[in-house]
Protein backbone atom coordinates (compact mmCIF):
# COMPACT_ATOMS: atom_id res chain seq x y z
CA MET A 1 -0.01 0.23 -0.06
CA LYS A 2 1.46 3.18 -1.23
CA ILE A 3 1.26 6.20 0.52
CA TRP A 4 1.13 9.95 -0.46
CA ASN A 5 2.54 13.18 0.77
CA TRP A 6 1.02 16.80 0.70
CA ASP A 7 3.70 17.69 -1.41
CA TRP A 8 3.09 14.89 -4.31
CA LEU A 9 -0.79 15.68 -3.67
CA GLN A 10 -0.32 19.59 -4.15
CA SER A 11 1.41 18.54 -7.45
CA LYS A 12 0.50 19.51 -11.05
CA ALA A 13 -0.04 15.05 -10.94
CA PHE A 14 -3.19 15.54 -8.92
CA TYR A 15 -4.72 19.53 -8.63
CA ARG A 16 -5.54 21.20 -10.95
CA THR A 17 -5.24 18.13 -13.97
CA GLY A 18 -8.51 16.76 -13.74
CA LYS A 19 -7.43 13.33 -13.03
CA ILE A 20 -7.11 11.38 -10.81
CA CYS A 21 -4.91 7.79 -11.13
CA THR A 22 -5.90 4.57 -11.95
CA GLY A 23 -3.32 2.66 -11.80
CA SER A 24 -2.40 -0.65 -8.92
CA THR A 25 -4.84 -0.55 -6.17
CA TYR A 26 -3.25 2.11 -3.08
CA THR A 27 -4.22 4.49 -0.62
CA PHE A 28 -3.00 7.66 0.35
CA LEU A 29 -3.37 9.67 3.41
CA LEU A 30 -1.50 13.15 3.96
CA HIS A 31 1.55 12.88 6.07
CA VAL A 32 0.44 16.78 7.41
CA LYS A 33 -2.68 19.11 8.75
CA PRO A 34 -5.20 19.92 5.64
CA SER A 35 -6.51 23.11 5.88
CA VAL A 36 -9.15 23.75 8.48
CA SER A 37 -11.84 26.23 7.60
CA ASP A 38 -12.74 26.00 11.75
CA PRO A 39 -9.80 25.73 13.40
CA GLY A 40 -11.88 25.52 16.67
CA GLN A 41 -13.84 22.49 15.01
CA SER A 42 -12.36 18.92 16.22
CA ARG A 43 -12.04 16.34 13.67
CA GLU A 44 -12.07 13.84 15.46
CA TRP A 45 -13.58 10.64 16.45
CA ASN A 46 -14.11 7.29 17.94
CA SER A 47 -13.53 5.83 14.79
CA SER A 48 -13.80 1.54 16.11
CA VAL A 49 -17.73 2.91 18.13
CA TYR A 50 -18.46 4.76 15.35
CA HIS A 51 -17.72 2.22 12.65
CA ARG A 52 -20.13 -0.64 14.98
CA LEU A 53 -23.03 1.67 15.70
CA SER A 54 -23.43 4.29 12.49
CA GLN A 55 -26.40 1.62 10.92
CA PRO A 56 -29.06 4.09 10.79
CA GLN A 57 -26.45 5.81 8.53
CA VAL A 58 -25.57 3.03 6.80
CA SER A 59 -29.19 2.55 6.35
CA TRP A 60 -30.58 5.98 5.34
CA GLY A 61 -26.49 6.21 3.24
CA ARG A 62 -27.43 3.11 1.13
CA ARG A 63 -31.14 4.44 0.30
CA VAL A 64 -29.52 6.96 -1.31
CA LEU A 65 -27.00 4.50 -3.29
CA SER A 66 -30.05 3.22 -4.68
CA ARG A 67 -31.00 5.80 -6.69
CA LEU A 68 -27.35 6.68 -8.19
CA ARG A 69 -27.52 5.53 -12.19
CA LEU A 70 -23.97 4.31 -12.72
CA ARG A 71 -21.90 2.66 -15.88
CA GLY A 72 -19.87 0.94 -13.19
CA ASP A 73 -16.47 3.20 -15.25
CA GLU A 74 -17.07 6.30 -13.35
CA GLN A 75 -14.96 8.24 -11.43
CA LEU A 76 -16.22 8.99 -7.84
CA LEU A 77 -15.58 11.31 -4.77
CA ASP A 78 -17.51 9.89 -1.23
CA ALA A 79 -17.17 13.32 0.25
CA GLY A 80 -17.07 12.86 4.36
CA CYS A 81 -16.42 8.97 3.36
CA GLY A 82 -15.96 8.53 7.31
CA THR A 83 -15.03 5.12 8.49
CA GLY A 84 -15.65 3.32 4.18
CA ARG A 85 -18.60 1.43 5.07
CA LEU A 86 -20.88 2.70 2.21
CA THR A 87 -16.99 3.68 0.57
CA ALA A 88 -17.47 -0.74 -0.08
CA GLU A 89 -20.79 -0.75 -1.80
CA LEU A 90 -20.05 2.17 -4.49
CA ILE A 91 -16.46 0.19 -5.20
CA ALA A 92 -18.06 -2.91 -6.06
CA ALA A 93 -20.69 -0.83 -8.12
CA LEU A 94 -17.15 0.51 -10.17
CA PRO A 95 -16.31 -2.56 -11.33
CA ARG A 96 -14.45 -0.13 -13.94
CA GLY A 97 -14.23 2.86 -12.62
CA ARG A 98 -12.80 4.88 -9.58
CA VAL A 99 -13.59 5.90 -6.30
CA VAL A 100 -11.76 8.36 -3.89
CA GLY A 101 -12.86 9.06 -0.40
CA ALA A 102 -12.06 12.48 1.69
CA ASP A 103 -12.89 12.79 5.31
CA LEU A 104 -11.89 15.45 7.63
CA SER A 105 -10.60 13.25 10.75
CA ARG A 106 -7.54 11.17 10.22
CA ASN A 107 -9.08 8.22 13.19
CA MET A 108 -12.28 8.27 10.46
CA LEU A 109 -9.34 7.47 7.28
CA MET A 110 -7.47 5.36 9.29
CA GLU A 111 -10.68 2.48 10.10
CA ALA A 112 -11.59 2.85 6.16
CA ARG A 113 -7.93 2.23 5.78
CA ASP A 114 -8.63 -0.99 7.33
CA HIS A 115 -11.93 -1.92 6.90
CA LEU A 116 -10.75 -1.27 2.49
CA ARG A 117 -7.59 -2.70 2.78
CA GLY A 118 -7.65 -4.39 -0.57
CA ALA A 119 -10.02 -2.29 -2.40
CA HIS A 120 -9.36 -0.53 -5.77
CA VAL A 121 -10.05 2.92 -3.51
CA SER A 122 -7.76 6.44 -2.88
CA LEU A 123 -8.42 7.92 0.76
CA VAL A 124 -7.36 11.45 1.28
CA ALA A 125 -7.45 13.79 4.37
CA ALA A 126 -9.13 17.00 3.49
CA ASP A 127 -11.64 19.87 4.40
CA LEU A 128 -14.63 19.80 2.20
CA LEU A 129 -14.19 23.17 1.79
CA HIS A 130 -11.10 23.55 0.71
CA LEU A 131 -11.04 19.99 -1.92
CA PRO A 132 -7.98 19.68 -3.22
CA PHE A 133 -9.46 18.63 -6.76
CA GLU A 134 -10.33 20.52 -9.69
CA HIS A 135 -12.65 18.39 -13.04
CA ALA A 136 -11.71 15.51 -11.43
CA PHE A 137 -15.25 13.32 -11.47
CA ASP A 138 -18.05 12.14 -12.79
CA GLY A 139 -20.04 12.74 -9.50
CA ILE A 140 -19.83 13.21 -6.06
CA VAL A 141 -21.91 11.45 -3.61
CA SER A 142 -22.14 11.91 0.20
CA THR A 143 -24.69 11.26 3.07
CA ALA A 144 -24.37 11.86 6.77
CA ALA A 145 -21.88 14.51 6.04
CA PHE A 146 -23.05 17.58 5.30
CA HIS A 147 -24.41 18.97 8.41
CA TRP A 148 -21.07 19.14 10.41
CA VAL A 149 -20.10 21.51 7.30
CA LEU A 150 -21.74 24.81 8.91
CA ASP A 151 -20.69 27.29 5.77
CA HIS A 152 -22.71 25.08 2.82
CA HIS A 153 -22.12 27.79 0.50
CA ARG A 154 -18.32 27.71 0.31
CA LEU A 155 -18.97 24.06 0.10
CA PHE A 156 -21.46 23.84 -2.60
CA VAL A 157 -18.79 26.14 -4.17
CA SER A 158 -15.85 23.53 -3.71
CA LEU A 159 -17.54 20.49 -4.81
CA ARG A 160 -18.67 22.19 -7.80
CA ARG A 161 -14.93 22.58 -9.21
CA ALA A 162 -14.51 18.73 -8.16
CA LEU A 163 -16.69 17.91 -10.72
CA ARG A 164 -16.35 17.62 -14.50
CA PRO A 165 -18.71 19.44 -16.88
CA GLY A 166 -22.34 16.73 -16.54
CA GLY A 167 -21.09 15.83 -13.28
CA TRP A 168 -23.91 15.43 -10.73
CA LEU A 169 -23.90 15.73 -6.88
CA HIS A 170 -26.50 13.00 -4.86
CA ALA A 171 -26.29 14.01 -0.84
CA GLN A 172 -28.59 13.30 1.80
CA CYS A 173 -26.99 14.74 5.59
CA GLY A 174 -29.10 15.68 8.15
CA GLY A 175 -31.12 18.67 7.57
CA GLY A 176 -34.43 20.33 8.59
CA PRO A 177 -35.83 20.07 12.36
CA ASN A 178 -33.27 17.25 12.91
CA LEU A 179 -32.94 16.33 16.12
CA ALA A 180 -35.03 19.31 17.66
CA ARG A 181 -36.31 16.97 20.87
CA LEU A 182 -33.09 15.97 22.05
CA ARG A 183 -31.45 19.50 20.48
CA ASN A 184 -34.13 21.19 22.80
CA ARG A 185 -33.04 19.32 26.43
CA VAL A 186 -29.52 19.17 25.29
CA GLY A 187 -30.54 23.06 25.65
CA LYS A 188 -32.19 23.56 28.38
CA LEU A 189 -29.43 20.40 30.67
CA ALA A 190 -26.92 22.46 29.19
CA ARG A 191 -28.30 25.78 30.94
CA THR A 192 -27.96 24.56 34.79
CA SER A 193 -25.89 25.23 36.70
CA LEU A 194 -24.18 22.89 36.71
CA TYR A 195 -22.99 22.39 32.78
CA ALA A 196 -23.94 26.29 32.17
CA PRO A 197 -19.48 26.95 32.97
CA HIS A 198 -19.27 24.20 30.18
CA LEU A 199 -21.79 24.42 27.61
CA ALA A 200 -23.25 28.31 28.26
CA LEU A 201 -21.55 29.27 25.41
CA PHE A 202 -21.19 26.17 22.85
CA THR A 203 -22.28 26.77 19.98
CA GLU A 204 -23.98 23.24 17.95
CA PRO A 205 -21.97 22.15 15.44
CA TRP A 206 -24.02 21.79 13.08
CA PHE A 207 -26.13 23.14 10.31
CA PHE A 208 -29.48 22.00 9.12
CA ALA A 209 -30.32 23.22 6.31
CA GLY A 210 -34.19 23.35 4.79
CA ASP A 211 -34.95 22.16 1.06
CA LYS A 212 -36.09 25.23 0.27
CA GLN A 213 -32.37 27.10 1.67
CA ALA A 214 -30.27 24.19 0.62
CA ALA A 215 -31.60 24.03 -2.70
CA GLU A 216 -31.28 28.49 -3.64
CA MET A 217 -27.56 27.51 -2.41
CA LEU A 218 -26.73 24.60 -4.63
CA ARG A 219 -27.72 26.89 -7.50
CA GLN A 220 -25.78 30.04 -6.48
CA ALA A 221 -22.76 27.32 -6.42
CA GLY A 222 -24.16 26.71 -10.33
CA PHE A 223 -25.30 23.94 -10.28
CA VAL A 224 -28.47 22.57 -12.44
CA ASN A 225 -31.32 20.30 -12.24
CA VAL A 226 -30.80 20.91 -8.77
CA GLU A 227 -33.37 18.64 -6.16
CA THR A 228 -34.09 18.61 -2.65
CA SER A 229 -36.24 17.27 -0.05
CA VAL A 230 -36.55 17.05 3.50
CA GLU A 231 -38.41 13.73 5.52
CA ALA A 232 -38.48 11.80 8.64
CA ALA A 233 -35.64 8.66 9.59
CA PRO A 234 -36.34 8.54 13.45
CA ALA A 235 -34.36 5.38 14.49
CA ILE A 236 -35.30 3.41 17.47
CA LEU A 237 -32.29 2.78 19.38
CA ASP A 238 -32.59 -1.16 21.76
CA ASP A 239 -32.01 0.43 25.47
CA ALA A 240 -30.61 2.77 27.79
CA GLN A 241 -27.17 1.50 27.43
CA GLN A 242 -27.30 1.83 23.31
CA TYR A 243 -28.23 4.69 23.74
CA GLU A 244 -25.57 6.11 26.26
CA GLU A 245 -23.03 5.07 23.96
CA PHE A 246 -25.03 6.50 20.20
CA VAL A 247 -25.56 9.56 21.31
CA SER A 248 -21.89 10.13 23.50
CA ASN A 249 -20.14 9.08 20.68
CA ILE A 250 -22.60 9.67 17.67
CA ILE A 251 -24.07 12.97 18.11
CA LEU A 252 -22.55 14.97 21.54
CA HIS A 253 -18.92 14.34 21.30
CA ALA A 254 -17.93 17.67 20.27
CA HIS A 255 -20.62 18.64 23.42
CA LEU A 256 -18.98 16.28 25.99
CA ARG A 257 -15.48 17.18 25.24
CA GLU A 258 -16.57 20.42 26.63
CA ILE A 259 -17.29 19.47 29.89
CA PRO A 260 -14.17 18.68 32.60
CA SER A 261 -14.84 15.72 34.04
CA GLU A 262 -15.59 12.02 33.21
CA GLU A 263 -17.58 11.59 36.32
CA LEU A 264 -19.76 15.37 34.96
CA ARG A 265 -19.55 13.96 31.90
CA LYS A 266 -21.88 10.56 32.04
CA LYS A 267 -23.75 12.06 34.79
CA PHE A 268 -25.12 14.77 31.47
CA VAL A 269 -25.85 11.99 28.71
CA ALA A 270 -27.52 9.43 31.69
CA GLU A 271 -29.91 12.83 31.89
CA LEU A 272 -30.91 12.67 28.39
CA THR A 273 -31.02 8.81 28.63
CA ALA A 274 -33.30 8.84 31.53
CA GLN A 275 -35.30 11.80 29.18
CA ALA A 276 -35.40 8.74 26.26
CA ALA A 277 -36.82 6.49 28.67
CA THR A 278 -40.20 8.46 29.17
CA ASP A 279 -40.48 9.37 24.90
CA ASP A 280 -42.84 6.79 22.83
CA PRO A 281 -41.34 4.53 21.70
CA PRO A 282 -38.20 4.99 24.70
CA TYR A 283 -34.92 5.71 23.05
CA SER A 284 -36.05 7.41 19.75
CA LEU A 285 -34.23 10.05 18.14
CA ASP A 286 -35.38 12.26 15.94
CA TYR A 287 -33.20 12.22 12.74
CA TRP A 288 -34.50 14.38 10.07
CA ARG A 289 -32.34 14.07 6.72
CA LEU A 290 -32.55 16.48 3.82
CA ASN A 291 -32.16 15.17 0.23
CA LEU A 292 -29.46 16.90 -2.37
CA SER A 293 -28.88 16.28 -5.79
CA GLY A 294 -27.34 18.83 -8.92
CA SER A 295 -25.60 18.34 -12.01
CA VAL A 296 -22.91 20.38 -13.46
CA THR A 297 -23.30 22.48 -17.51
C-alpha cells in the first residue's frame, strides 16, 4: 500500500489536472495537517465505535446509493467517507471505475483504510471546503456529512469545482428539524448551574438547512437541475446502554469534550437518557434527512 504525501497531492500530477491516478490499488493519506475551515471545530472521532454503531447512517446512505444510475466506469468522490462502510458499496458498483474517499478525520480514514484493505480506492484527508481537486470527478456522493460543515455555500462551490462538466451530486445529510427534541433537551440541560460553566457559550457544531434554503445555495454555487427534499428518518435504539453510547459518540461528542470531568460527562448523558426513556417509543431519535441532488454544465 503506497502512502502519498501532501507535496505530491498539491503537485500538478494531481491538483487541477482533472485526472485521478488509476494504476494499481493504493491508499494515500496526508502526512501533514490539511487546511481546516474552522480551527475550533475538532475533526476527530472514536472511529471504531462509530463504525460499529452507525447502522442508521448506513441504512439511510444505502437509499441514496440506490438512486444512482451508474455505468460502472465512473470516477466518483465519496465526500465525508467516514469509516468506509458505504464507500465499499460504491466500489462494488464500479468494476471499471474508481472511488476517492475524502474525510477531515484521520481516525475515520485509518478505520476506512483497514475496512477497505485490498480494494481499488484512494483515501485523502481533506476539508470539504478546500478540496484539492478540480474537474476530477464524474459524480460526488455524500451521506451523513454535510451538516458538520457550517458554511454550505462554500461547501457547494468546492464540490462544484471538483466536478467535470456534466458531473452530478447526490447527497443526504441532516436537515430541517433534525434531532429537535434532543437538541432542545441538551440546550435546557446546558443552561443549568452544573453545566453552564462549560456549555453556556458552546455553539452547536451542525448546520441543518431546509430544503428550499439548500436548493437556493446549490443554485448560487452553479448547480442546475437541483432537487431537494426533507424526510423524517427516526431511529429507535435498543435500550439505555445503546442510547448512551450512540448519543455520546455519534451526536454529542463535541459537546462532551467541553465538559472537563468524566463523571460530569456521564451524568450529562445519563440525564438525557433518562428523559429518552419516557419517549414513545423509548430511546428514539427524531432524525430528519435532507436529500440533495444537482448537476453541472
